[in-house]
């Protein structure tokens, strides 16, 4: 019976004929599958289809894939949302929670519009307001303390150039963690000693537009040479795990007594904020950060708020 019902939604059936085969006793799984095909045929973005489909699989795991949709009311959906937040055992961020509410409203709203359910059980679900805190950036005095700590590791009984190379690199370029981990010694160009650069590469053709060459200081090249002599990497500059580099930043921040610590994300935002504050043209800053126009607009809004807070 299940195979026969699944076959009803295959082949070249039109949306209308497919909808006619759905009814109140259709299972959550059957209607979710029909909704997925509806989204694809209506031209929903692949990202939205994937996200909504994943959310509906979660709904099925909690409420039962074979449960008839006519048996689902607002109480059942609220129990699912409560489970997501407090009982599942996996953190559900405000953004993910809001999207899952949207999924429920879209799915059950669609079922109601094609008369599979007599009323929309998701209509009364309440969207929680998402408040995303502003990124934390280091103040100038904190940057100075952090660099003083990493520079101190260049000297002593056991010199270690890695902290100074890493912190300087992130502050000067604002690159992401993944971009940092892909760097090779050959990506650094110092044929012009006064104006060295680093090339941020992407192997995936889909992200070739993110490739960019960024200026760095001559001092950074000197630290890089010290690092290469000490660590002798074979392929990539940092031949360790990302977690190891996170520990390097954490240790340096602790030594510098930074109250909010230091991370890849924090140093990226600090780099962006310092450039923004110093008047870097927006198109240059967007290119430096490797961001799309849409993402960069949101980034500028956050930088404006950070700057306003600093003045106040």
Protein backbone atom coordinates (compact mmCIF):
# COMPACT_ATOMS: atom_id res chain seq x y z
CA UNK A 1 0.00 0.00 0.00
CA UNK A 2 2.78 2.40 0.92
CA UNK A 3 4.66 1.67 -2.33
CA UNK A 4 1.50 2.26 -4.34
CA UNK A 5 0.89 5.57 -2.63
CA UNK A 6 4.50 6.62 -3.18
CA UNK A 7 4.14 5.79 -6.86
CA UNK A 8 1.19 8.16 -7.07
CA UNK A 9 3.61 11.08 -6.64
CA UNK A 10 6.20 9.89 -9.18
CA UNK A 11 6.52 10.30 -12.91
CA UNK A 12 5.03 13.19 -14.81
CA UNK A 13 1.94 13.88 -12.73
CA UNK A 14 0.91 17.52 -12.59
CA UNK A 15 0.83 19.43 -9.33
CA UNK A 16 -2.95 19.48 -9.46
CA UNK A 17 -3.33 15.71 -9.89
CA UNK A 18 -0.77 15.08 -7.18
CA UNK A 19 -2.62 17.34 -4.78
CA UNK A 20 -5.88 15.54 -5.48
CA UNK A 21 -4.36 12.32 -4.18
CA UNK A 22 -3.51 13.91 -0.82
CA UNK A 23 -6.11 13.90 1.94
CA UNK A 24 -6.38 14.15 5.70
CA UNK A 25 -5.34 10.54 6.21
CA UNK A 26 -2.18 10.99 4.16
CA UNK A 27 0.87 10.48 6.34
CA UNK A 28 3.29 13.14 7.44
CA UNK A 29 5.95 11.44 5.32
CA UNK A 30 3.78 11.39 2.16
CA UNK A 31 2.75 15.01 2.47
CA UNK A 32 6.29 16.14 3.29
CA UNK A 33 7.54 14.39 0.16
CA UNK A 34 4.82 16.02 -1.91
CA UNK A 35 5.76 19.40 -0.41
CA UNK A 36 9.40 18.86 -1.37
CA UNK A 37 8.42 18.20 -4.99
CA UNK A 38 6.11 21.20 -4.90
CA UNK A 39 8.97 23.45 -3.76
CA UNK A 40 11.28 22.12 -6.46
CA UNK A 41 8.70 22.60 -9.21
CA UNK A 42 7.87 26.09 -7.98
CA UNK A 43 11.54 27.11 -8.17
CA UNK A 44 12.39 27.38 -4.48
CA UNK A 45 16.15 27.75 -3.99
CA UNK A 46 18.05 24.47 -3.44
CA UNK A 47 19.15 25.81 -0.03
CA UNK A 48 15.53 26.41 1.05
CA UNK A 49 14.39 23.02 -0.22
CA UNK A 50 17.20 21.27 1.64
CA UNK A 51 16.61 23.22 4.87
CA UNK A 52 12.82 22.76 4.88
CA UNK A 53 13.16 19.08 3.99
CA UNK A 54 15.59 18.54 6.87
CA UNK A 55 13.25 20.34 9.25
CA UNK A 56 10.33 18.16 8.20
CA UNK A 57 12.41 15.02 8.75
CA UNK A 58 12.90 16.22 12.32
CA UNK A 59 9.14 16.69 12.65
CA UNK A 60 8.61 13.14 11.40
CA UNK A 61 11.17 11.72 13.82
CA UNK A 62 9.32 13.33 16.73
CA UNK A 63 5.66 13.04 15.71
CA UNK A 64 5.92 9.87 13.63
CA UNK A 65 6.36 9.61 9.86
CA UNK A 66 3.14 7.55 9.51
CA UNK A 67 0.99 9.96 11.51
CA UNK A 68 -1.96 11.25 9.44
CA UNK A 69 -1.68 15.02 9.02
CA UNK A 70 -5.33 15.40 10.09
CA UNK A 71 -4.30 14.29 13.58
CA UNK A 72 -1.78 17.11 13.98
CA UNK A 73 -2.93 20.23 15.78
CA UNK A 74 -1.26 23.27 17.29
CA UNK A 75 -0.62 21.39 20.57
CA UNK A 76 1.42 18.69 18.75
CA UNK A 77 3.46 21.31 16.91
CA UNK A 78 4.15 23.21 20.12
CA UNK A 79 5.29 19.95 21.75
CA UNK A 80 7.72 19.49 18.86
CA UNK A 81 9.08 23.02 19.27
CA UNK A 82 9.44 22.54 23.03
CA UNK A 83 11.36 19.30 22.39
CA UNK A 84 13.67 21.13 19.98
CA UNK A 85 14.56 23.75 22.55
CA UNK A 86 14.65 21.84 25.82
CA UNK A 87 14.58 18.07 25.41
CA UNK A 88 16.41 17.09 22.23
CA UNK A 89 19.85 17.48 23.79
CA UNK A 90 21.25 19.35 20.78
CA UNK A 91 21.46 23.17 20.91
CA UNK A 92 18.87 24.93 18.73
CA UNK A 93 20.00 28.47 17.94
CA UNK A 94 17.42 31.27 17.69
CA UNK A 95 18.04 31.40 13.93
CA UNK A 96 17.46 27.65 13.49
CA UNK A 97 14.37 27.77 15.71
CA UNK A 98 12.89 30.64 13.69
CA UNK A 99 13.52 28.81 10.42
CA UNK A 100 11.81 25.67 11.73
CA UNK A 101 8.76 27.69 12.72
CA UNK A 102 8.77 29.10 9.18
CA UNK A 103 8.99 25.56 7.81
CA UNK A 104 5.94 24.49 9.80
CA UNK A 105 3.96 27.54 8.74
CA UNK A 106 4.90 27.05 5.08
CA UNK A 107 4.17 23.32 5.08
CA UNK A 108 0.84 23.39 6.90
CA UNK A 109 -0.20 26.59 5.16
CA UNK A 110 0.33 24.77 1.85
CA UNK A 111 -1.66 21.74 3.05
CA UNK A 112 -4.52 24.02 4.05
CA UNK A 113 -4.42 25.93 0.74
CA UNK A 114 -4.90 22.69 -1.23
CA UNK A 115 -7.66 21.54 1.18
CA UNK A 116 -5.79 18.56 2.65
CA UNK A 117 -6.37 19.90 6.17
CA UNK A 118 -9.48 21.88 7.17
CA UNK A 119 -7.46 24.39 9.22
CA UNK A 120 -3.85 25.46 9.61
CA UNK A 121 -2.43 24.15 12.93
CA UNK A 122 0.73 26.23 12.46
CA UNK A 123 -1.09 29.55 12.09
CA UNK A 124 -0.98 30.24 15.83
CA UNK A 125 2.70 29.37 16.27
CA UNK A 126 4.61 32.39 17.49
CA UNK A 127 7.86 33.51 15.89
CA UNK A 128 10.44 34.35 18.52
CA UNK A 129 12.31 37.56 17.83
CA UNK A 130 15.90 36.87 16.86
CA UNK A 131 18.43 39.15 18.50
CA UNK A 132 21.92 38.56 17.21
CA UNK A 133 24.56 40.20 19.40
CA UNK A 134 27.11 42.41 17.70
CA UNK A 135 30.52 40.87 17.07
CA UNK A 136 33.12 41.58 19.73
CA UNK A 137 36.20 43.42 18.51
CA UNK A 138 39.45 44.16 20.28
CA UNK A 139 40.16 47.71 21.34
CA UNK A 140 43.42 49.28 20.16
CA UNK A 141 45.03 48.87 23.58
CA UNK A 142 44.05 45.18 23.59
CA UNK A 143 45.53 44.68 20.12
CA UNK A 144 48.76 46.26 21.36
CA UNK A 145 48.86 43.95 24.39
CA UNK A 146 48.19 40.89 22.26
CA UNK A 147 50.94 41.75 19.78
CA UNK A 148 53.36 42.52 22.60
CA UNK A 149 52.72 39.04 24.02
CA UNK A 150 53.16 37.25 20.68
CA UNK A 151 56.28 39.27 19.88
CA UNK A 152 57.78 38.22 23.21
CA UNK A 153 57.56 34.61 22.01
CA UNK A 154 60.00 35.42 19.23
CA UNK A 155 62.76 35.63 21.82
CA UNK A 156 63.79 33.68 24.88
CA UNK A 157 65.10 30.16 25.49
CA UNK A 158 62.53 28.52 23.20
CA UNK A 159 61.55 31.06 20.50
CA UNK A 160 58.18 30.35 18.89
CA UNK A 161 57.24 32.53 15.91
CA UNK A 162 53.87 30.84 15.37
CA UNK A 163 51.73 33.03 17.70
CA UNK A 164 53.12 36.26 16.24
CA UNK A 165 52.72 35.03 12.66
CA UNK A 166 49.14 33.89 13.24
CA UNK A 167 47.90 36.97 15.10
CA UNK A 168 49.60 39.40 12.72
CA UNK A 169 48.28 37.54 9.70
CA UNK A 170 44.69 37.58 10.94
CA UNK A 171 44.77 41.22 12.01
CA UNK A 172 46.29 42.37 8.73
CA UNK A 173 44.17 40.31 6.34
CA UNK A 174 40.94 39.45 8.19
CA UNK A 175 40.89 36.02 6.53
CA UNK A 176 38.67 33.20 7.72
CA UNK A 177 39.89 30.12 9.56
CA UNK A 178 39.44 27.85 6.53
CA UNK A 179 41.31 30.32 4.32
CA UNK A 180 44.14 30.44 6.84
CA UNK A 181 44.40 26.64 6.96
CA UNK A 182 44.74 26.42 3.15
CA UNK A 183 47.71 28.79 2.91
CA UNK A 184 50.98 27.51 1.46
CA UNK A 185 54.38 29.21 1.61
CA UNK A 186 54.09 29.85 -2.14
CA UNK A 187 51.00 32.00 -1.54
CA UNK A 188 53.22 34.66 0.01
CA UNK A 189 54.84 36.99 -2.53
CA UNK A 190 57.77 39.21 -1.53
CA UNK A 191 59.42 40.05 -4.86
CA UNK A 192 58.76 43.66 -3.88
CA UNK A 193 60.16 43.68 -0.33
CA UNK A 194 58.37 46.90 0.55
CA UNK A 195 54.96 45.68 -0.62
CA UNK A 196 54.57 41.93 0.00
CA UNK A 197 51.24 40.18 -0.52
CA UNK A 198 49.45 36.93 0.24
CA UNK A 199 47.14 35.11 -2.18
CA UNK A 200 43.92 33.68 -0.74
CA UNK A 201 43.08 30.67 -2.91
CA UNK A 202 40.00 28.55 -3.49
CA UNK A 203 40.25 25.16 -5.18
CA UNK A 204 36.51 24.81 -5.68
CA UNK A 205 35.57 26.52 -8.99
CA UNK A 206 32.31 27.71 -7.42
CA UNK A 207 34.26 30.04 -5.13
CA UNK A 208 36.89 31.25 -7.56
CA UNK A 209 35.40 34.75 -7.26
CA UNK A 210 36.54 34.79 -3.63
CA UNK A 211 40.21 34.54 -4.57
CA UNK A 212 42.09 37.71 -3.80
CA UNK A 213 45.61 39.02 -3.22
CA UNK A 214 46.00 41.01 -0.01
CA UNK A 215 48.79 43.34 1.08
CA UNK A 216 50.75 42.44 4.20
CA UNK A 217 53.60 44.10 6.06
CA UNK A 218 57.31 43.38 5.45
CA UNK A 219 57.48 42.43 9.15
CA UNK A 220 55.04 39.61 8.52
CA UNK A 221 57.33 38.17 5.84
CA UNK A 222 60.21 38.26 8.31
CA UNK A 223 58.13 36.39 10.89
CA UNK A 224 57.04 33.91 8.21
CA UNK A 225 60.67 33.16 7.36
CA UNK A 226 61.42 32.56 11.04
CA UNK A 227 58.37 30.30 11.27
CA UNK A 228 59.27 28.25 8.18
CA UNK A 229 62.80 27.74 9.51
CA UNK A 230 61.48 26.59 12.89
CA UNK A 231 58.53 24.41 11.80
CA UNK A 232 59.62 23.29 8.30
CA UNK A 233 56.12 22.61 6.93
CA UNK A 234 55.99 20.37 3.85
CA UNK A 235 52.90 21.72 2.09
CA UNK A 236 50.66 24.08 4.02
CA UNK A 237 51.94 26.85 6.28
CA UNK A 238 49.99 25.57 9.28
CA UNK A 239 50.22 21.80 9.25
CA UNK A 240 48.18 21.26 12.38
CA UNK A 241 44.50 21.11 13.18
CA UNK A 242 42.38 24.27 13.33
CA UNK A 243 41.80 23.47 16.99
CA UNK A 244 45.54 23.73 17.66
CA UNK A 245 45.60 27.24 16.23
CA UNK A 246 42.56 28.14 18.33
CA UNK A 247 44.55 27.08 21.39
CA UNK A 248 47.41 29.32 20.24
CA UNK A 249 45.03 32.28 20.13
CA UNK A 250 43.47 31.38 23.48
CA UNK A 251 46.84 31.08 25.20
CA UNK A 252 48.04 34.40 23.77
CA UNK A 253 44.80 36.12 24.82
CA UNK A 254 45.08 34.73 28.34
CA UNK A 255 48.66 35.94 28.60
CA UNK A 256 47.60 39.37 27.34
CA UNK A 257 44.72 39.35 29.87
CA UNK A 258 42.04 40.00 27.26
CA UNK A 259 38.65 39.72 29.03
CA UNK A 260 36.87 38.40 25.94
CA UNK A 261 39.68 36.17 24.72
CA UNK A 262 40.65 35.98 21.06
CA UNK A 263 39.45 33.82 18.20
CA UNK A 264 39.63 33.66 14.42
CA UNK A 265 36.22 35.31 14.17
CA UNK A 266 37.09 38.05 16.65
CA UNK A 267 40.33 38.93 14.87
CA UNK A 268 38.55 38.92 11.49
CA UNK A 269 35.98 41.39 12.82
CA UNK A 270 38.70 43.44 14.51
CA UNK A 271 40.58 43.68 11.22
CA UNK A 272 37.41 44.69 9.36
CA UNK A 273 36.46 47.26 11.98
CA UNK A 274 39.89 48.91 12.01
CA UNK A 275 39.81 49.22 8.22
CA UNK A 276 36.25 50.55 8.30
CA UNK A 277 37.10 53.06 11.02
CA UNK A 278 40.21 54.19 9.14
CA UNK A 279 38.16 55.00 6.06
CA UNK A 280 38.86 52.11 3.70
CA UNK A 281 36.48 52.43 0.72
CA UNK A 282 33.61 49.99 1.00
CA UNK A 283 34.34 48.23 -2.27
CA UNK A 284 37.91 47.64 -1.13
CA UNK A 285 36.80 46.30 2.24
CA UNK A 286 34.26 44.00 0.58
CA UNK A 287 36.96 42.66 -1.72
CA UNK A 288 39.40 42.22 1.16
CA UNK A 289 36.89 40.20 3.19
CA UNK A 290 35.78 38.14 0.18
CA UNK A 291 32.08 38.86 0.78
CA UNK A 292 29.10 39.01 -1.55
CA UNK A 293 27.23 42.30 -1.91
CA UNK A 294 24.34 41.05 0.22
CA UNK A 295 26.56 39.75 3.03
CA UNK A 296 28.71 42.86 2.95
CA UNK A 297 25.68 45.13 3.39
CA UNK A 298 24.85 43.29 6.61
CA UNK A 299 28.50 43.48 7.65
CA UNK A 300 28.60 47.25 7.17
CA UNK A 301 25.47 47.65 9.30
CA UNK A 302 27.19 45.79 12.13
CA UNK A 303 30.39 47.80 11.72
CA UNK A 304 28.37 51.02 11.89
CA UNK A 305 26.77 49.89 15.16
CA UNK A 306 30.14 48.88 16.60
CA UNK A 307 31.57 52.29 15.67
CA UNK A 308 28.58 54.07 17.21
CA UNK A 309 28.98 52.09 20.43
CA UNK A 310 32.68 52.92 20.57
CA UNK A 311 31.95 56.66 20.28
CA UNK A 312 29.29 56.49 22.99
